[in-house]
Each structure stands twice: as structure tokens, then as C-alpha cells.
Amino acid sequence: MSDRAPTERSEDTRLTELLAGLDARRRPGSYTLLEADPRFDDDEIEALLREDEGVSVVVSVDAAARLGKDVSFRAAWLTLGVASDVTDVGLTAAVSSALARASIPCNVLAGLHHDHLLVPDDEATRALAILDQLRTSASS
């Protein structure tokens, strides 16, 4: 018997538990992903990522409009209401794959307590329905 088999079963079981407990919810408002601007107030920056090319931030569309920023991507912010751990395997892959099968793009933001998705604003309701189907299937 392979040394890997018990670990794979354990990871599969944990993924099923995570998906069965998936409670995706939309945060109020609309968001966008932009290059950082020092004129953003600290409390307007919802997420920040440093890349070799510069700093990207997630801010509300209202905060972007306050600075006259062009908003080419309006996103709904979905929070996966299941307590995931940074060592869990497969949750973001399962979620993003389910959305990809429905042709819904998503940007995954992983926090210490939850994973978050930015999906096009006009696809939020459909994305939530797909995530609910994923939860239901895992619960069966």
C-alpha cells in the first residue's frame, strides 16, 4: 500500500467537509482592482498585493470614483463562509473550476480565516447559485 493513499483520502474528506460547509455570501457594494494610489485613504483599501510591477489594491467602486479612476472591472466580493486553513488542499481549485465551467471569471483572495472571490458584478447571483450547488452536491 502506498504511503500517499491515506493522505489523499484525508485531503478528499477535508475538501468534502469544506464544500459541504460552504456558505458563500456577497459583501455589500461593488469593488474594483486598480494600481495603488497614495490618495486612497487607508480604510478605503480592502486588499493589497505587492507585485514586481507595482502594488495592486482592491477598493470600492465609490472610492475609485472619488479619485476619478477609470473602472473597467466592477466586481462583487463573495466570501466563502467556511473556516478554511492555509494548508487545506483543493478548496479554491474546486470553487474556481465550478465557476470556470460556467464561464464566470474569478479572482481568488485567500485570507487566514476565509477565501474570497471577486466575480463580475453582473454574474454575482449566478456565481452564488453555482457555489450553493457545489455545497449541496458535497452534502449529499
C-alpha atoms as a PDB file:
ATOM      1  CA  MET A   1       0.000   0.000   0.000  1.00  0.00           C
ATOM      2  CA  SER A   2       1.283   3.469  -0.892  1.00  0.00           C
ATOM      3  CA  ASP A   3       2.303   5.869   1.842  1.00  0.00           C
ATOM      4  CA  ARG A   4       0.352   8.549  -0.063  1.00  0.00           C
ATOM      5  CA  ALA A   5      -3.079   6.828  -0.078  1.00  0.00           C
ATOM      6  CA  PRO A   6      -4.163   7.723   3.500  1.00  0.00           C
ATOM      7  CA  THR A   7      -3.175  11.352   2.982  1.00  0.00           C
ATOM      8  CA  GLU A   8      -5.158  11.568  -0.251  1.00  0.00           C
ATOM      9  CA  ARG A   9      -8.245  10.121   1.434  1.00  0.00           C
ATOM     10  CA  SER A  10      -7.800  12.557   4.309  1.00  0.00           C
ATOM     11  CA  GLU A  11      -7.468  15.512   1.901  1.00  0.00           C
ATOM     12  CA  ASP A  12     -10.529  14.327  -0.028  1.00  0.00           C
ATOM     13  CA  THR A  13     -12.520  14.040   3.199  1.00  0.00           C
ATOM     14  CA  ARG A  14     -11.444  17.504   4.328  1.00  0.00           C
ATOM     15  CA  LEU A  15     -12.321  19.010   0.934  1.00  0.00           C
ATOM     16  CA  THR A  16     -15.769  17.396   1.067  1.00  0.00           C
ATOM     17  CA  GLU A  17     -16.278  18.824   4.565  1.00  0.00           C
ATOM     18  CA  LEU A  18     -15.217  22.283   3.397  1.00  0.00           C
ATOM     19  CA  LEU A  19     -17.504  22.189   0.376  1.00  0.00           C
ATOM     20  CA  ALA A  20     -20.425  20.872   2.437  1.00  0.00           C
ATOM     21  CA  GLY A  21     -19.957  23.784   4.828  1.00  0.00           C
ATOM     22  CA  LEU A  22     -19.592  26.352   2.077  1.00  0.00           C
ATOM     23  CA  ASP A  23     -21.739  29.374   2.843  1.00  0.00           C
ATOM     24  CA  ALA A  24     -20.876  31.925   0.182  1.00  0.00           C
ATOM     25  CA  ARG A  25     -22.141  35.421   0.812  1.00  0.00           C
ATOM     26  CA  ARG A  26     -21.852  38.704  -1.009  1.00  0.00           C
ATOM     27  CA  ARG A  27     -20.323  41.678   0.742  1.00  0.00           C
ATOM     28  CA  PRO A  28     -22.280  44.863   0.159  1.00  0.00           C
ATOM     29  CA  GLY A  29     -21.074  47.153  -2.589  1.00  0.00           C
ATOM     30  CA  SER A  30     -19.094  46.869  -5.789  1.00  0.00           C
ATOM     31  CA  TYR A  31     -15.313  46.634  -5.989  1.00  0.00           C
ATOM     32  CA  THR A  32     -12.541  47.063  -8.485  1.00  0.00           C
ATOM     33  CA  LEU A  33      -8.879  46.118  -8.792  1.00  0.00           C
ATOM     34  CA  LEU A  34      -6.508  49.012  -9.523  1.00  0.00           C
ATOM     35  CA  GLU A  35      -2.922  50.142  -9.204  1.00  0.00           C
ATOM     36  CA  ALA A  36      -2.351  51.705  -5.794  1.00  0.00           C
ATOM     37  CA  ASP A  37      -2.690  55.452  -5.489  1.00  0.00           C
ATOM     38  CA  PRO A  38      -1.438  57.330  -2.407  1.00  0.00           C
ATOM     39  CA  ARG A  39      -4.645  59.387  -2.444  1.00  0.00           C
ATOM     40  CA  PHE A  40      -6.676  56.360  -1.325  1.00  0.00           C
ATOM     41  CA  ASP A  41      -7.403  56.555   2.390  1.00  0.00           C
ATOM     42  CA  ASP A  42      -6.079  53.522   4.272  1.00  0.00           C
ATOM     43  CA  ASP A  43      -9.608  52.496   5.235  1.00  0.00           C
ATOM     44  CA  GLU A  44     -10.635  52.512   1.538  1.00  0.00           C
ATOM     45  CA  ILE A  45      -8.146  49.766   0.665  1.00  0.00           C
ATOM     46  CA  GLU A  46      -9.900  46.426   1.098  1.00  0.00           C
ATOM     47  CA  ALA A  47      -6.960  44.286  -0.081  1.00  0.00           C
ATOM     48  CA  LEU A  48      -3.412  44.950  -1.215  1.00  0.00           C
ATOM     49  CA  LEU A  49      -0.919  42.880  -3.178  1.00  0.00           C
ATOM     50  CA  ARG A  50       2.687  43.784  -3.896  1.00  0.00           C
ATOM     51  CA  GLU A  51       3.925  42.537  -7.265  1.00  0.00           C
ATOM     52  CA  ASP A  52       7.188  43.089  -9.098  1.00  0.00           C
ATOM     53  CA  GLU A  53       5.384  45.561 -11.370  1.00  0.00           C
ATOM     54  CA  GLY A  54       3.821  47.562  -8.531  1.00  0.00           C
ATOM     55  CA  VAL A  55       1.122  47.484  -5.886  1.00  0.00           C
ATOM     56  CA  SER A  56      -2.421  46.383  -6.718  1.00  0.00           C
ATOM     57  CA  VAL A  57      -5.356  47.269  -4.481  1.00  0.00           C
ATOM     58  CA  VAL A  58      -8.980  46.287  -4.221  1.00  0.00           C
ATOM     59  CA  VAL A  59     -11.158  49.278  -3.442  1.00  0.00           C
ATOM     60  CA  SER A  60     -14.853  50.041  -3.687  1.00  0.00           C
ATOM     61  CA  VAL A  61     -16.083  51.471  -6.950  1.00  0.00           C
ATOM     62  CA  ASP A  62     -17.126  54.542  -4.922  1.00  0.00           C
ATOM     63  CA  ALA A  63     -13.559  55.046  -3.665  1.00  0.00           C
ATOM     64  CA  ALA A  64     -12.250  54.738  -7.223  1.00  0.00           C
ATOM     65  CA  ALA A  65     -14.842  57.247  -8.469  1.00  0.00           C
ATOM     66  CA  ARG A  66     -13.827  59.711  -5.727  1.00  0.00           C
ATOM     67  CA  LEU A  67     -10.369  59.838  -7.334  1.00  0.00           C
ATOM     68  CA  GLY A  68     -11.703  59.863 -10.891  1.00  0.00           C
ATOM     69  CA  LYS A  69     -10.273  56.418 -11.622  1.00  0.00           C
ATOM     70  CA  ASP A  70     -11.442  54.523 -14.689  1.00  0.00           C
ATOM     71  CA  VAL A  71     -13.256  51.397 -13.521  1.00  0.00           C
ATOM     72  CA  SER A  72     -13.004  48.742 -16.208  1.00  0.00           C
ATOM     73  CA  PHE A  73     -13.843  45.848 -13.852  1.00  0.00           C
ATOM     74  CA  ARG A  74     -16.805  46.059 -11.471  1.00  0.00           C
ATOM     75  CA  ALA A  75     -16.754  43.132  -9.096  1.00  0.00           C
ATOM     76  CA  ALA A  76     -18.922  41.568  -6.470  1.00  0.00           C
ATOM     77  CA  TRP A  77     -16.946  40.411  -3.431  1.00  0.00           C
ATOM     78  CA  LEU A  78     -18.003  36.937  -2.343  1.00  0.00           C
ATOM     79  CA  THR A  79     -16.770  35.475   0.928  1.00  0.00           C
ATOM     80  CA  LEU A  80     -16.652  31.713   1.309  1.00  0.00           C
ATOM     81  CA  GLY A  81     -18.158  31.371   4.763  1.00  0.00           C
ATOM     82  CA  VAL A  82     -16.328  28.229   5.737  1.00  0.00           C
ATOM     83  CA  ALA A  83     -13.343  28.255   8.067  1.00  0.00           C
ATOM     84  CA  SER A  84     -10.559  27.130   5.766  1.00  0.00           C
ATOM     85  CA  ASP A  85      -6.918  26.832   6.656  1.00  0.00           C
ATOM     86  CA  VAL A  86      -3.974  27.875   4.506  1.00  0.00           C
ATOM     87  CA  THR A  87      -2.897  24.217   4.410  1.00  0.00           C
ATOM     88  CA  ASP A  88      -6.244  22.934   3.091  1.00  0.00           C
ATOM     89  CA  VAL A  89      -5.965  21.388  -0.356  1.00  0.00           C
ATOM     90  CA  GLY A  90      -8.390  21.900  -3.231  1.00  0.00           C
ATOM     91  CA  LEU A  91     -10.994  24.387  -2.000  1.00  0.00           C
ATOM     92  CA  THR A  92     -10.054  27.291  -4.251  1.00  0.00           C
ATOM     93  CA  ALA A  93      -9.474  24.892  -7.147  1.00  0.00           C
ATOM     94  CA  ALA A  94     -12.936  23.340  -6.723  1.00  0.00           C
ATOM     95  CA  VAL A  95     -14.633  26.723  -6.431  1.00  0.00           C
ATOM     96  CA  SER A  96     -12.794  28.406  -9.293  1.00  0.00           C
ATOM     97  CA  SER A  97     -13.257  25.320 -11.508  1.00  0.00           C
ATOM     98  CA  ALA A  98     -17.016  25.284 -10.885  1.00  0.00           C
ATOM     99  CA  LEU A  99     -17.205  28.955 -11.839  1.00  0.00           C
ATOM    100  CA  ALA A 100     -14.939  28.433 -14.856  1.00  0.00           C
ATOM    101  CA  ARG A 101     -17.247  25.674 -16.146  1.00  0.00           C
ATOM    102  CA  ALA A 102     -19.991  28.309 -16.125  1.00  0.00           C
ATOM    103  CA  SER A 103     -17.676  30.843 -17.845  1.00  0.00           C
ATOM    104  CA  ILE A 104     -17.586  33.107 -14.783  1.00  0.00           C
ATOM    105  CA  PRO A 105     -14.155  34.595 -14.167  1.00  0.00           C
ATOM    106  CA  CYS A 106     -12.999  34.979 -10.589  1.00  0.00           C
ATOM    107  CA  ASN A 107     -10.040  36.399  -8.767  1.00  0.00           C
ATOM    108  CA  VAL A 108      -9.305  34.476  -5.564  1.00  0.00           C
ATOM    109  CA  LEU A 109      -8.075  36.286  -2.469  1.00  0.00           C
ATOM    110  CA  ALA A 110      -7.062  33.992   0.355  1.00  0.00           C
ATOM    111  CA  GLY A 111      -7.086  35.222   3.926  1.00  0.00           C
ATOM    112  CA  LEU A 112      -6.152  33.472   7.143  1.00  0.00           C
ATOM    113  CA  HIS A 113      -9.779  32.710   8.005  1.00  0.00           C
ATOM    114  CA  HIS A 114     -11.675  32.671   4.725  1.00  0.00           C
ATOM    115  CA  ASP A 115     -11.240  32.693   0.981  1.00  0.00           C
ATOM    116  CA  HIS A 116     -12.790  35.486  -1.052  1.00  0.00           C
ATOM    117  CA  LEU A 117     -13.730  35.788  -4.708  1.00  0.00           C
ATOM    118  CA  LEU A 118     -14.048  38.800  -6.951  1.00  0.00           C
ATOM    119  CA  VAL A 119     -16.504  37.979  -9.720  1.00  0.00           C
ATOM    120  CA  PRO A 120     -18.084  40.300 -12.287  1.00  0.00           C
ATOM    121  CA  ASP A 121     -20.881  42.265 -10.636  1.00  0.00           C
ATOM    122  CA  ASP A 122     -23.442  41.120 -13.167  1.00  0.00           C
ATOM    123  CA  GLU A 123     -22.555  37.452 -12.531  1.00  0.00           C
ATOM    124  CA  ALA A 124     -22.805  37.541  -8.718  1.00  0.00           C
ATOM    125  CA  THR A 125     -26.242  35.951  -8.427  1.00  0.00           C
ATOM    126  CA  ARG A 126     -25.338  33.149 -10.826  1.00  0.00           C
ATOM    127  CA  ALA A 127     -21.981  32.608  -9.080  1.00  0.00           C
ATOM    128  CA  LEU A 128     -23.696  32.309  -5.704  1.00  0.00           C
ATOM    129  CA  ALA A 129     -26.142  29.770  -7.152  1.00  0.00           C
ATOM    130  CA  ILE A 130     -23.259  27.691  -8.544  1.00  0.00           C
ATOM    131  CA  LEU A 131     -21.463  27.769  -5.202  1.00  0.00           C
ATOM    132  CA  ASP A 132     -24.676  26.711  -3.476  1.00  0.00           C
ATOM    133  CA  GLN A 133     -24.969  23.775  -5.910  1.00  0.00           C
ATOM    134  CA  LEU A 134     -21.389  22.831  -5.073  1.00  0.00           C
ATOM    135  CA  ARG A 135     -22.291  22.862  -1.359  1.00  0.00           C
ATOM    136  CA  THR A 136     -25.417  20.800  -1.950  1.00  0.00           C
ATOM    137  CA  SER A 137     -23.550  18.218  -4.018  1.00  0.00           C
ATOM    138  CA  ALA A 138     -20.876  17.824  -1.337  1.00  0.00           C
ATOM    139  CA  SER A 139     -23.548  17.442   1.341  1.00  0.00           C
ATOM    140  CA  SER A 140     -25.253  14.545  -0.478  1.00  0.00           C
END
